[in-house]
Amino acid sequence: MTLEYINPSDLPTPTTYTQVVVARGTRLIFVAGQEPEARRPR
């Protein structure tokens, strides 16, 4: 399985992880940095 590491230019570029990883062979996509939305807007 090959892995493609992607840090989109409009997102921060962290030093400890990658924003997106695409795994090929069986296609799996891992997306980092997701945050839940607030139940009530502030």
C-alpha atoms as a PDB file:
ATOM      1  CA  MET A   1       0.000   0.000   0.000  1.00  0.00           C
ATOM      2  CA  THR A   2       1.370   3.434  -0.914  1.00  0.00           C
ATOM      3  CA  LEU A   3       0.642   6.562   1.111  1.00  0.00           C
ATOM      4  CA  GLU A   4       0.300  10.104  -0.236  1.00  0.00           C
ATOM      5  CA  TYR A   5       0.731  12.864   2.370  1.00  0.00           C
ATOM      6  CA  ILE A   6      -1.051  16.138   1.584  1.00  0.00           C
ATOM      7  CA  ASN A   7      -0.995  19.497   3.353  1.00  0.00           C
ATOM      8  CA  PRO A   8      -3.374  21.798   1.415  1.00  0.00           C
ATOM      9  CA  SER A   9      -1.904  25.278   0.931  1.00  0.00           C
ATOM     10  CA  ASP A  10      -4.895  27.011   2.563  1.00  0.00           C
ATOM     11  CA  LEU A  11      -4.511  25.037   5.831  1.00  0.00           C
ATOM     12  CA  PRO A  12      -1.769  25.320   8.459  1.00  0.00           C
ATOM     13  CA  THR A  13       1.266  23.080   7.889  1.00  0.00           C
ATOM     14  CA  PRO A  14       1.866  21.301  11.195  1.00  0.00           C
ATOM     15  CA  THR A  15       5.265  19.797  11.987  1.00  0.00           C
ATOM     16  CA  THR A  16       3.943  16.753  13.874  1.00  0.00           C
ATOM     17  CA  TYR A  17       1.311  15.399  11.461  1.00  0.00           C
ATOM     18  CA  THR A  18      -0.110  15.704   7.918  1.00  0.00           C
ATOM     19  CA  GLN A  19      -3.559  17.170   7.247  1.00  0.00           C
ATOM     20  CA  VAL A  20      -4.563  14.445   4.741  1.00  0.00           C
ATOM     21  CA  VAL A  21      -3.216  10.972   3.967  1.00  0.00           C
ATOM     22  CA  VAL A  22      -4.465   8.996   0.968  1.00  0.00           C
ATOM     23  CA  ALA A  23      -3.713   5.251   1.117  1.00  0.00           C
ATOM     24  CA  ARG A  24      -3.739   3.487  -2.261  1.00  0.00           C
ATOM     25  CA  GLY A  25      -4.146  -0.219  -2.845  1.00  0.00           C
ATOM     26  CA  THR A  26      -7.330  -0.204  -0.925  1.00  0.00           C
ATOM     27  CA  ARG A  27      -8.435   3.423  -0.973  1.00  0.00           C
ATOM     28  CA  LEU A  28      -8.595   4.915   2.494  1.00  0.00           C
ATOM     29  CA  ILE A  29      -8.498   8.639   3.190  1.00  0.00           C
ATOM     30  CA  PHE A  30      -7.576  10.007   6.618  1.00  0.00           C
ATOM     31  CA  VAL A  31      -8.318  13.654   7.344  1.00  0.00           C
ATOM     32  CA  ALA A  32      -6.840  15.327  10.435  1.00  0.00           C
ATOM     33  CA  GLY A  33      -7.795  18.449  12.342  1.00  0.00           C
ATOM     34  CA  GLN A  34     -11.558  18.134  12.307  1.00  0.00           C
ATOM     35  CA  GLU A  35     -13.383  20.033  15.043  1.00  0.00           C
ATOM     36  CA  PRO A  36     -16.992  19.633  16.187  1.00  0.00           C
ATOM     37  CA  GLU A  37     -19.358  22.531  15.647  1.00  0.00           C
ATOM     38  CA  ALA A  38     -20.799  24.301  18.671  1.00  0.00           C
ATOM     39  CA  ARG A  39     -24.357  23.319  19.551  1.00  0.00           C
ATOM     40  CA  ARG A  40     -25.214  26.968  20.036  1.00  0.00           C
ATOM     41  CA  PRO A  41     -23.569  29.684  17.956  1.00  0.00           C
ATOM     42  CA  ARG A  42     -21.592  32.177  20.021  1.00  0.00           C
END
